[in-house]
Amino acid sequence: MVANPNQARAILSEVGKEGAMGKRLAAFFGCMYYAALRPEEVIDLRKENIVNLPQGEGWGEFILTNADPEEPSGPMTGVRDSAAG
């Protein structure tokens, strides 16, 4: 289940009230929710990756350069081969 925009704003607002760490977590989860970034992309995000941020509402732009998700090295677990029956 995904939070709707009103729920997300309320959650991020409350998290942001929890001091410096709360502000960091609100930014982290805000990037994941609003920009659909993966955790490793948010962790690698730097000021130089920000092309444009909207004032208030609107679209912004990030340039992602170093995200490197790991690929599984072996067979996928939990996936059933339909040919095997």
Foldseek 3Di string as FASTA:
>chain_A
DDDDPVVLVVVLVVLCVPPPVSVVVSQQVVCCRVVVDDNQQSVPDDPVQWPADDDPDDDTGGHGDDDDDDDDPDDDPPDDDPVVD
